[in-house]
Amino acid sequence: MHPSKLRPVLAIRLFADDTKAFGPGVATLLHHVDALHSLRAAAAAMGMAYSKAWRITKESEALLGFALLDSVTGGKNGGGARLTPEARAFLARYDAYTAALRAASDALFRVHFPEEG
């Protein structure tokens, strides 16, 4: 049996004291909200219960100290959600940070595990 090729996989989580404030799940959820304009649709796209999406969004907001979503309830157009300006800026910084870490990790992996490259 031929061994599988190894590769590094990073999951970047940001903590406030000992509590996770933000990570890949919330980031993915926000990207879906941005594309679908709905927390419910974003949760469904991820196979996540709406109640969980709502809970992790509220927990993250409390720890970060700012709202992530502006929500519109019901009405003629059925409501929806969009990212707040603070959330959009924070998500862009998180995405840039994780991309830089992954690039550095890939470079270090090639140094320390050259047989896998």
N, C-alpha and C. Protein backbone atom coordinates (compact mmCIF):
# COMPACT_ATOMS: atom_id res chain seq x y z
N MET A 1 0.85 -1.18 0.00
CA MET A 1 0.00 0.00 0.00
C MET A 1 0.89 1.24 0.00
N HIS A 2 0.60 2.16 -0.90
CA HIS A 2 1.37 3.40 -1.02
C HIS A 2 0.86 4.42 0.00
N PRO A 3 1.76 5.03 0.78
CA PRO A 3 1.30 6.01 1.77
C PRO A 3 0.73 7.26 1.09
N SER A 4 -0.23 7.86 1.75
CA SER A 4 -0.83 9.09 1.23
C SER A 4 0.15 10.25 1.37
N LYS A 5 0.06 11.19 0.46
CA LYS A 5 0.89 12.39 0.51
C LYS A 5 0.39 13.29 1.64
N LEU A 6 1.33 13.80 2.43
CA LEU A 6 0.99 14.68 3.54
C LEU A 6 0.89 16.13 3.08
N ARG A 7 0.05 16.89 3.78
CA ARG A 7 -0.08 18.32 3.53
C ARG A 7 -0.56 18.98 4.81
N PRO A 8 -0.14 20.21 5.03
CA PRO A 8 -0.61 20.91 6.23
C PRO A 8 -2.01 21.50 6.02
N VAL A 9 -2.80 21.50 7.07
CA VAL A 9 -4.12 22.12 7.04
C VAL A 9 -4.23 22.97 8.30
N LEU A 10 -4.38 24.27 8.10
CA LEU A 10 -4.51 25.19 9.23
C LEU A 10 -5.95 25.65 9.38
N ALA A 11 -6.41 25.71 10.62
CA ALA A 11 -7.71 26.30 10.94
C ALA A 11 -7.43 27.41 11.93
N ILE A 12 -7.59 28.65 11.52
CA ILE A 12 -7.22 29.80 12.33
C ILE A 12 -8.43 30.26 13.14
N ARG A 13 -8.28 30.23 14.45
CA ARG A 13 -9.33 30.68 15.36
C ARG A 13 -8.78 31.84 16.19
N LEU A 14 -9.60 32.86 16.37
CA LEU A 14 -9.23 34.02 17.17
C LEU A 14 -9.98 33.95 18.50
N PHE A 15 -9.25 34.12 19.59
CA PHE A 15 -9.82 33.99 20.92
C PHE A 15 -9.81 35.33 21.65
N ALA A 16 -10.83 35.54 22.46
CA ALA A 16 -10.88 36.64 23.41
C ALA A 16 -10.74 35.97 24.78
N ASP A 17 -9.60 36.19 25.42
CA ASP A 17 -9.24 35.45 26.62
C ASP A 17 -9.24 33.95 26.27
N ASP A 18 -10.10 33.16 26.92
CA ASP A 18 -10.12 31.71 26.65
C ASP A 18 -11.32 31.29 25.81
N THR A 19 -12.01 32.24 25.22
CA THR A 19 -13.23 31.94 24.47
C THR A 19 -13.04 32.24 23.00
N LYS A 20 -13.40 31.26 22.16
CA LYS A 20 -13.28 31.47 20.71
C LYS A 20 -14.23 32.58 20.28
N ALA A 21 -13.68 33.60 19.64
CA ALA A 21 -14.47 34.74 19.19
C ALA A 21 -14.78 34.67 17.70
N PHE A 22 -13.89 34.04 16.92
CA PHE A 22 -14.06 34.04 15.46
C PHE A 22 -13.20 32.93 14.88
N GLY A 23 -13.71 32.29 13.85
CA GLY A 23 -12.95 31.23 13.21
C GLY A 23 -13.50 30.92 11.83
N PRO A 24 -13.05 29.80 11.26
CA PRO A 24 -13.43 29.48 9.89
C PRO A 24 -14.93 29.26 9.69
N GLY A 25 -15.61 28.75 10.70
CA GLY A 25 -17.06 28.53 10.57
C GLY A 25 -17.82 29.83 10.44
N VAL A 26 -17.53 30.78 11.32
CA VAL A 26 -18.21 32.08 11.26
C VAL A 26 -17.81 32.81 9.98
N ALA A 27 -16.54 32.71 9.60
CA ALA A 27 -16.09 33.37 8.37
C ALA A 27 -16.85 32.83 7.16
N THR A 28 -16.97 31.52 7.07
CA THR A 28 -17.69 30.90 5.96
C THR A 28 -19.16 31.32 5.98
N LEU A 29 -19.75 31.32 7.16
CA LEU A 29 -21.14 31.75 7.29
C LEU A 29 -21.31 33.19 6.78
N LEU A 30 -20.40 34.08 7.18
CA LEU A 30 -20.50 35.47 6.73
C LEU A 30 -20.32 35.60 5.22
N HIS A 31 -19.43 34.81 4.64
CA HIS A 31 -19.27 34.84 3.18
C HIS A 31 -20.57 34.40 2.50
N HIS A 32 -21.23 33.40 3.06
CA HIS A 32 -22.51 32.95 2.49
C HIS A 32 -23.59 34.01 2.67
N VAL A 33 -23.64 34.65 3.83
CA VAL A 33 -24.62 35.72 4.03
C VAL A 33 -24.38 36.83 3.02
N ASP A 34 -23.12 37.16 2.79
CA ASP A 34 -22.79 38.22 1.83
C ASP A 34 -23.29 37.86 0.42
N ALA A 35 -23.17 36.61 0.06
CA ALA A 35 -23.60 36.17 -1.27
C ALA A 35 -25.11 35.97 -1.37
N LEU A 36 -25.73 35.47 -0.29
CA LEU A 36 -27.14 35.07 -0.34
C LEU A 36 -28.10 36.08 0.32
N HIS A 37 -27.54 37.05 1.05
CA HIS A 37 -28.33 38.11 1.71
C HIS A 37 -29.36 37.55 2.69
N SER A 38 -28.99 36.43 3.34
CA SER A 38 -29.90 35.81 4.29
C SER A 38 -29.11 34.89 5.21
N LEU A 39 -29.32 35.04 6.52
CA LEU A 39 -28.67 34.14 7.46
C LEU A 39 -29.27 32.74 7.34
N ARG A 40 -30.57 32.66 7.15
CA ARG A 40 -31.22 31.35 7.01
C ARG A 40 -30.70 30.62 5.77
N ALA A 41 -30.59 31.31 4.64
CA ALA A 41 -30.09 30.69 3.41
C ALA A 41 -28.61 30.33 3.56
N ALA A 42 -27.84 31.16 4.24
CA ALA A 42 -26.42 30.87 4.46
C ALA A 42 -26.26 29.61 5.30
N ALA A 43 -27.06 29.50 6.36
CA ALA A 43 -27.01 28.31 7.21
C ALA A 43 -27.39 27.07 6.40
N ALA A 44 -28.43 27.17 5.61
CA ALA A 44 -28.87 26.03 4.79
C ALA A 44 -27.78 25.62 3.80
N ALA A 45 -27.09 26.59 3.20
CA ALA A 45 -26.03 26.29 2.24
C ALA A 45 -24.88 25.53 2.90
N MET A 46 -24.72 25.72 4.21
CA MET A 46 -23.65 25.05 4.94
C MET A 46 -24.13 23.77 5.63
N GLY A 47 -25.43 23.45 5.49
CA GLY A 47 -25.97 22.28 6.19
C GLY A 47 -26.04 22.50 7.69
N MET A 48 -26.23 23.75 8.09
CA MET A 48 -26.24 24.14 9.50
C MET A 48 -27.65 24.57 9.89
N ALA A 49 -28.05 24.23 11.10
CA ALA A 49 -29.34 24.69 11.59
C ALA A 49 -29.32 26.21 11.72
N TYR A 50 -30.44 26.83 11.39
CA TYR A 50 -30.54 28.29 11.51
C TYR A 50 -30.28 28.72 12.95
N SER A 51 -30.77 27.96 13.91
CA SER A 51 -30.58 28.32 15.31
C SER A 51 -29.10 28.34 15.68
N LYS A 52 -28.32 27.43 15.13
CA LYS A 52 -26.88 27.41 15.39
C LYS A 52 -26.21 28.62 14.72
N ALA A 53 -26.60 28.92 13.50
CA ALA A 53 -26.03 30.07 12.79
C ALA A 53 -26.31 31.35 13.56
N TRP A 54 -27.53 31.49 14.05
CA TRP A 54 -27.90 32.67 14.81
C TRP A 54 -27.08 32.73 16.10
N ARG A 55 -26.95 31.59 16.80
CA ARG A 55 -26.23 31.54 18.07
C ARG A 55 -24.76 31.88 17.90
N ILE A 56 -24.08 31.28 16.91
CA ILE A 56 -22.64 31.55 16.76
C ILE A 56 -22.39 32.98 16.29
N THR A 57 -23.32 33.53 15.54
CA THR A 57 -23.20 34.93 15.12
C THR A 57 -23.31 35.85 16.33
N LYS A 58 -24.31 35.60 17.17
CA LYS A 58 -24.51 36.44 18.37
C LYS A 58 -23.34 36.28 19.35
N GLU A 59 -22.83 35.07 19.53
CA GLU A 59 -21.69 34.86 20.43
C GLU A 59 -20.46 35.60 19.92
N SER A 60 -20.23 35.54 18.63
CA SER A 60 -19.08 36.22 18.03
C SER A 60 -19.23 37.72 18.18
N GLU A 61 -20.42 38.24 17.92
CA GLU A 61 -20.67 39.68 18.06
C GLU A 61 -20.37 40.15 19.49
N ALA A 62 -20.82 39.37 20.48
CA ALA A 62 -20.61 39.75 21.88
C ALA A 62 -19.12 39.81 22.22
N LEU A 63 -18.35 38.86 21.71
CA LEU A 63 -16.92 38.82 22.00
C LEU A 63 -16.13 39.85 21.21
N LEU A 64 -16.55 40.13 19.98
CA LEU A 64 -15.85 41.11 19.15
C LEU A 64 -16.21 42.55 19.51
N GLY A 65 -17.41 42.73 20.03
CA GLY A 65 -17.84 44.06 20.43
C GLY A 65 -18.48 44.88 19.34
N PHE A 66 -18.91 44.24 18.27
CA PHE A 66 -19.64 44.94 17.21
C PHE A 66 -20.56 43.96 16.48
N ALA A 67 -21.59 44.52 15.85
CA ALA A 67 -22.55 43.70 15.10
C ALA A 67 -21.92 43.18 13.82
N LEU A 68 -22.23 41.96 13.49
CA LEU A 68 -21.76 41.37 12.24
C LEU A 68 -22.79 41.52 11.12
N LEU A 69 -24.07 41.51 11.50
CA LEU A 69 -25.14 41.54 10.50
C LEU A 69 -26.14 42.65 10.77
N ASP A 70 -26.62 43.25 9.69
CA ASP A 70 -27.80 44.10 9.72
C ASP A 70 -28.92 43.25 9.16
N SER A 71 -29.97 43.05 9.94
CA SER A 71 -31.07 42.20 9.50
C SER A 71 -32.32 43.01 9.25
N VAL A 72 -33.07 42.58 8.25
CA VAL A 72 -34.37 43.16 7.94
C VAL A 72 -35.37 42.03 8.07
N THR A 73 -36.40 42.21 8.89
CA THR A 73 -37.36 41.14 9.11
C THR A 73 -38.55 41.28 8.18
N GLY A 74 -39.04 40.14 7.69
CA GLY A 74 -40.27 40.02 6.93
C GLY A 74 -40.50 41.09 5.89
N GLY A 75 -41.75 41.49 5.79
CA GLY A 75 -42.11 42.53 4.84
C GLY A 75 -42.34 42.01 3.44
N LYS A 76 -42.59 42.94 2.53
CA LYS A 76 -42.92 42.60 1.15
C LYS A 76 -41.82 41.79 0.46
N ASN A 77 -40.56 42.10 0.75
CA ASN A 77 -39.44 41.42 0.10
C ASN A 77 -38.90 40.25 0.91
N GLY A 78 -39.57 39.90 2.02
CA GLY A 78 -39.20 38.71 2.77
C GLY A 78 -38.02 38.87 3.72
N GLY A 79 -37.53 40.07 3.93
CA GLY A 79 -36.44 40.26 4.88
C GLY A 79 -35.10 39.83 4.32
N GLY A 80 -34.12 39.74 5.21
CA GLY A 80 -32.80 39.34 4.78
C GLY A 80 -31.74 39.86 5.73
N ALA A 81 -30.50 39.70 5.35
CA ALA A 81 -29.38 40.15 6.18
C ALA A 81 -28.23 40.57 5.28
N ARG A 82 -27.43 41.50 5.82
CA ARG A 82 -26.22 41.90 5.12
C ARG A 82 -25.14 42.15 6.16
N LEU A 83 -23.90 42.09 5.72
CA LEU A 83 -22.78 42.34 6.62
C LEU A 83 -22.72 43.82 6.97
N THR A 84 -22.41 44.08 8.24
CA THR A 84 -22.18 45.47 8.64
C THR A 84 -20.84 45.91 8.06
N PRO A 85 -20.61 47.21 7.97
CA PRO A 85 -19.29 47.67 7.50
C PRO A 85 -18.15 47.12 8.37
N GLU A 86 -18.37 47.05 9.69
CA GLU A 86 -17.34 46.51 10.59
C GLU A 86 -17.08 45.04 10.30
N ALA A 87 -18.14 44.28 10.05
CA ALA A 87 -17.99 42.86 9.74
C ALA A 87 -17.25 42.67 8.42
N ARG A 88 -17.60 43.47 7.42
CA ARG A 88 -16.95 43.36 6.11
C ARG A 88 -15.44 43.64 6.24
N ALA A 89 -15.08 44.66 7.00
CA ALA A 89 -13.67 45.01 7.19
C ALA A 89 -12.95 43.92 8.00
N PHE A 90 -13.60 43.43 9.05
CA PHE A 90 -12.99 42.39 9.89
C PHE A 90 -12.79 41.11 9.09
N LEU A 91 -13.79 40.73 8.32
CA LEU A 91 -13.70 39.51 7.51
C LEU A 91 -12.58 39.63 6.48
N ALA A 92 -12.43 40.79 5.87
CA ALA A 92 -11.34 41.00 4.90
C ALA A 92 -9.98 40.85 5.59
N ARG A 93 -9.84 41.39 6.80
CA ARG A 93 -8.59 41.26 7.55
C ARG A 93 -8.34 39.81 7.94
N TYR A 94 -9.37 39.12 8.38
CA TYR A 94 -9.25 37.70 8.76
C TYR A 94 -8.83 36.87 7.54
N ASP A 95 -9.47 37.10 6.40
CA ASP A 95 -9.14 36.36 5.18
C ASP A 95 -7.69 36.63 4.76
N ALA A 96 -7.25 37.88 4.82
CA ALA A 96 -5.87 38.21 4.45
C ALA A 96 -4.89 37.56 5.42
N TYR A 97 -5.19 37.60 6.71
CA TYR A 97 -4.34 37.00 7.73
C TYR A 97 -4.22 35.49 7.53
N THR A 98 -5.35 34.82 7.31
CA THR A 98 -5.30 33.36 7.14
C THR A 98 -4.58 32.99 5.84
N ALA A 99 -4.76 33.77 4.79
CA ALA A 99 -4.05 33.49 3.53
C ALA A 99 -2.54 33.63 3.73
N ALA A 100 -2.12 34.66 4.47
CA ALA A 100 -0.69 34.85 4.73
C ALA A 100 -0.13 33.71 5.58
N LEU A 101 -0.89 33.29 6.59
CA LEU A 101 -0.44 32.17 7.43
C LEU A 101 -0.34 30.88 6.63
N ARG A 102 -1.30 30.64 5.75
CA ARG A 102 -1.26 29.42 4.94
C ARG A 102 -0.06 29.44 3.98
N ALA A 103 0.23 30.60 3.41
CA ALA A 103 1.38 30.72 2.51
C ALA A 103 2.67 30.46 3.29
N ALA A 104 2.79 31.03 4.48
CA ALA A 104 3.98 30.79 5.30
C ALA A 104 4.07 29.33 5.72
N SER A 105 2.94 28.74 6.06
CA SER A 105 2.92 27.33 6.44
C SER A 105 3.35 26.44 5.28
N ASP A 106 2.86 26.73 4.10
CA ASP A 106 3.24 25.93 2.92
C ASP A 106 4.74 26.02 2.67
N ALA A 107 5.30 27.21 2.80
CA ALA A 107 6.74 27.39 2.59
C ALA A 107 7.53 26.62 3.65
N LEU A 108 7.13 26.71 4.90
CA LEU A 108 7.82 25.98 5.97
C LEU A 108 7.66 24.47 5.81
N PHE A 109 6.50 24.04 5.36
CA PHE A 109 6.27 22.62 5.14
C PHE A 109 7.24 22.08 4.09
N ARG A 110 7.44 22.83 3.01
CA ARG A 110 8.37 22.39 1.96
C ARG A 110 9.80 22.30 2.49
N VAL A 111 10.17 23.15 3.44
CA VAL A 111 11.51 23.11 4.04
C VAL A 111 11.65 21.88 4.93
N HIS A 112 10.66 21.62 5.76
CA HIS A 112 10.74 20.56 6.77
C HIS A 112 10.30 19.20 6.25
N PHE A 113 9.55 19.16 5.18
CA PHE A 113 9.07 17.90 4.61
C PHE A 113 9.28 17.93 3.09
N PRO A 114 10.52 18.07 2.64
CA PRO A 114 10.77 18.21 1.19
C PRO A 114 10.33 16.99 0.38
N GLU A 115 10.31 15.83 1.00
CA GLU A 115 9.90 14.63 0.28
C GLU A 115 8.41 14.62 -0.06
N GLU A 116 7.63 15.50 0.58
CA GLU A 116 6.19 15.56 0.32
C GLU A 116 5.86 16.55 -0.79
N GLY A 117 6.81 17.41 -1.14
CA GLY A 117 6.56 18.45 -2.13
C GLY A 117 6.74 17.95 -3.50
